Protein backbone atom coordinates (compact mmCIF):
# COMPACT_ATOMS: atom_id res chain seq x y z
CA UNK A 1 15.33 1.76 -7.50
CA UNK A 2 13.52 3.82 -10.14
CA UNK A 3 10.11 2.72 -8.84
CA UNK A 4 11.06 3.62 -5.27
CA UNK A 5 12.21 7.06 -6.39
CA UNK A 6 8.99 7.60 -8.34
CA UNK A 7 6.92 6.33 -5.42
CA UNK A 8 8.76 8.65 -3.02
CA UNK A 9 8.27 11.64 -5.32
CA UNK A 10 4.58 10.81 -5.72
CA UNK A 11 4.24 10.54 -1.96
CA UNK A 12 5.91 13.93 -1.47
CA UNK A 13 3.77 15.57 -4.16
CA UNK A 14 0.57 14.05 -2.82
CA UNK A 15 1.34 15.22 0.72
CA UNK A 16 2.30 18.69 -0.53
CA UNK A 17 -1.09 18.97 -2.23
CA UNK A 18 -2.69 17.08 0.61
CA UNK A 19 -6.37 16.54 0.41
CA UNK A 20 -7.12 13.67 2.71
CA UNK A 21 -9.47 11.29 1.02
CA UNK A 22 -11.49 8.74 2.88
CA UNK A 23 -12.70 6.09 0.50
CA UNK A 24 -15.79 4.00 0.93
CA UNK A 25 -15.01 0.50 2.16
CA UNK A 26 -16.10 -2.33 -0.15
CA UNK A 27 -15.19 -5.94 -0.67
CA UNK A 28 -11.84 -6.23 -2.44
CA UNK A 29 -11.98 -7.31 -6.08
CA UNK A 30 -10.93 -10.97 -6.32
CA UNK A 31 -9.99 -12.96 -9.44
CA UNK A 32 -9.02 -16.65 -9.20
CA UNK A 33 -9.03 -16.43 -5.37
CA UNK A 34 -6.41 -13.63 -5.48
CA UNK A 35 -6.96 -10.02 -4.45
CA UNK A 36 -6.40 -7.78 -7.47
CA UNK A 37 -3.20 -5.67 -7.20
CA UNK A 38 -2.04 -7.14 -3.87
CA UNK A 39 1.14 -8.73 -5.31
CA UNK A 40 2.01 -5.50 -7.15
CA UNK A 41 1.53 -3.47 -3.97
CA UNK A 42 3.75 -5.89 -2.01
CA UNK A 43 6.48 -5.58 -4.66
CA UNK A 44 6.29 -1.77 -4.64
CA UNK A 45 6.01 -1.19 -0.89
CA UNK A 46 8.33 -3.83 0.60
CA UNK A 47 11.60 -2.15 -0.52
CA UNK A 48 10.28 1.19 0.74
CA UNK A 49 9.44 -0.30 4.15
CA UNK A 50 12.77 -2.17 4.39
CA UNK A 51 14.69 1.09 3.91
CA UNK A 52 13.31 2.36 7.22
CA UNK A 53 14.47 -0.73 9.13
CA UNK A 54 17.81 -0.86 10.93
CA UNK A 55 18.13 -4.64 10.59
CA UNK A 56 18.48 -6.90 7.57
CA UNK A 57 16.29 -9.90 6.77
CA UNK A 58 13.05 -8.13 7.61
CA UNK A 59 9.88 -9.74 6.21
CA UNK A 60 6.37 -8.37 5.95
CA UNK A 61 2.88 -9.76 5.60
CA UNK A 62 0.26 -7.63 3.83
CA UNK A 63 -3.25 -8.26 5.15
CA UNK A 64 -6.17 -6.91 3.12
CA UNK A 65 -8.71 -5.31 5.42
CA UNK A 66 -11.09 -4.07 2.69
CA UNK A 67 -11.43 -2.75 -0.79
CA UNK A 68 -11.78 1.01 -1.26
CA UNK A 69 -13.48 3.31 -3.73
CA UNK A 70 -13.36 7.08 -4.04
CA UNK A 71 -14.65 8.95 -7.09
CA UNK A 72 -12.69 7.43 -10.04
CA UNK A 73 -10.23 5.59 -7.77
CA UNK A 74 -10.25 1.99 -6.58
CA UNK A 75 -8.01 0.70 -3.84
CA UNK A 76 -7.18 -1.49 -0.90
CA UNK A 77 -6.93 -0.86 2.82
CA UNK A 78 -4.02 -2.99 4.02
CA UNK A 79 -2.49 -3.77 7.38
CA UNK A 80 1.26 -4.44 7.22
CA UNK A 81 2.75 -6.81 9.81
CA UNK A 82 6.41 -7.58 10.41
CA UNK A 83 6.71 -11.37 10.51
CA UNK A 84 10.42 -12.20 10.74
CA UNK A 85 12.07 -13.75 13.83
CA UNK A 86 8.78 -15.08 15.17
CA UNK A 87 7.20 -11.62 15.20
CA UNK A 88 3.70 -10.78 14.04
CA UNK A 89 3.71 -7.07 14.87
CA UNK A 90 1.53 -4.51 13.14
CA UNK A 91 3.88 -1.84 11.79
CA UNK A 92 1.76 0.16 9.34
CA UNK A 93 -1.63 0.77 7.81
CA UNK A 94 -1.81 1.54 4.11
CA UNK A 95 -4.59 2.93 1.94
CA UNK A 96 -3.50 2.39 -1.66
CA UNK A 97 -5.56 3.85 -4.53
CA UNK A 98 -5.23 3.51 -8.31
CA UNK A 99 -7.27 4.87 -11.19
CA UNK A 100 -9.67 2.51 -12.90
CA UNK A 101 -8.42 3.41 -16.39
CA UNK A 102 -7.01 0.85 -18.78
CA UNK A 103 -3.22 0.71 -18.50
CA UNK A 104 -3.01 2.29 -15.05
CA UNK A 105 -4.39 -0.59 -13.02
CA UNK A 106 -2.42 -1.07 -9.79
CA UNK A 107 -0.24 2.02 -10.43
CA UNK A 108 -0.39 4.22 -7.34
CA UNK A 109 -2.49 7.36 -7.70
CA UNK A 110 -2.77 8.13 -3.99
CA UNK A 111 -1.19 6.54 -0.91
CA UNK A 112 -1.72 6.99 2.78
CA UNK A 113 0.96 5.20 4.80
CA UNK A 114 0.60 5.36 8.55
CA UNK A 115 3.67 3.92 10.29
CA UNK A 116 2.93 2.62 13.77
CA UNK A 117 5.61 3.28 16.37
CA UNK A 118 6.01 0.35 18.71
């Protein structure tokens, strides 16, 4: 709950001081055949996405479209699909950036969440 509150506050602050950034697309950073930070992003974003659903039992699949870089930030461009009940519907696009400093890896520095209305 604390992480969701912090994430929500960060999202509000970042939109209040909105400077839209458009990172350069790169290959995502992969270690041991796993995309760096993807699991952490799933853990942080899934509860936030579920709160906007009217049903229970909703499941999501996070599909990495590319890596991102912008000044001192690294990130991922992710497509979020809803995959419960036989669905595979695209519901959001997410650009997720973090600073490349030691200790802040995978912690959100800037998010752009674009919910898709179906």
